[in-house]
Amino acid sequence: MQTTAIDVIDYDANGYDYRDYWSGRDYELWAEQRVLRRLVPKLGRAHWFADFGGAFGRNAGHYLPRAEHSVIVDFSATNLRNAGERHSAEVSTGRLHLVRADLYRIPFRDFAFDAGMVVRVLHHLSEVDRGLTEMSRCVGDRWLVDVPIKHHVLSLARGLRCGQLRAVRSPAPVAKGVEEQFWNFQLGAVRERLGDLGWRTSLGASVNNFRQWEKVAPRANRLARPLVHGMEVVAQTCGRGWWGPSQFVVARRHDPARPAYDRPGGHTIDLPPELAGLARRMVCPVCVTRLSWTPETATCTRCEHTYHRRGAYWDFLPPQ
């Protein structure tokens, strides 16, 4: 792991609650849920599943029935507290674990998870290659990657009108926004990076193909919804790779890896069973060393930094 700090968007600033973002975004929510119902089963059954940047567990309903154990990894303490309330039963039994962490320094061992997904996260990564590398090493077999692209059909039209078509189609990512930057990427460049990391990729779906309609005609939403939903269904398949701003990619390892992390004994022998499986998969995010565990703390055996359980989640942010 690299240890150089990179600024990460703070979803806890000013009392922000990410759940509020989804108010009035019924179309986007519907479009994403539809595609996840179709694509998550393609990841197969998982012993351990990772939801990178999984926030308050908005998408957990898609993988919890298909995985023996799942982990939501997110930077926001607020998101994880909300996830703990939303999925309290699964957290209490150890079927779902919540870990606060930096996606550039993930506190998990290589191939800790059979499968995983990352949805609505890459646009926060200014160092996308580093972020993809870090998430990738934790997944042993297959994962679903949501790529926010800069060359979708509406962006191409804007680029043509403004004489910026070459920049829109180039491999380099572009930053959007003023107060907070959001990054969009060329899909081919992201797939090439995944290929370099040992993955073969296929296009899964084009998503949110008509997301502007709620802003353009808010009063017509109810009447137009069946038509727009129908067009979205068609575009999710026909628009793969070029139409919508969100392109979902299914990635499978050329050589799947499934290390035996669930052998009993060792430094986790005294832990409750609902925690032991998680502990065997985790390392210090700073020096990548194994941890000494209690039910409430995990202490690095090299740098001696202690990470704490805080209610429903474990806080593995590196020391500042």
Foldseek 3Di string as FASTA:
>chain_A
DDFDDDDFDACPPPNHACVVVCVLQVQQLVQVLVLLLVCVCVLAAWQEEEEEQCFQVSPVVSCLVRYQAYEYEHQYPNRPVNNCVVPVVCLVQLRYAYEHEDLLQDFFAFQLIQEYEYDPPQQRDPPNLSSCLSVNRNHFWKYKYKAQAQQAPVNCVVCVVVVNNCVRQDQDWDWDDDPGTTIHGQPVNVQVSVVVSQKHKDWRFATCLPSCPCVVCVVCCVVCVVVVVVVSVVRRPVVARHHHRITMMMITGPHGDDDDLPDEDDLCNPPDPSCSSVLSGGAQSNPRARWRDDNFWTAHPPPRDIWGADPSHTYRYDDD
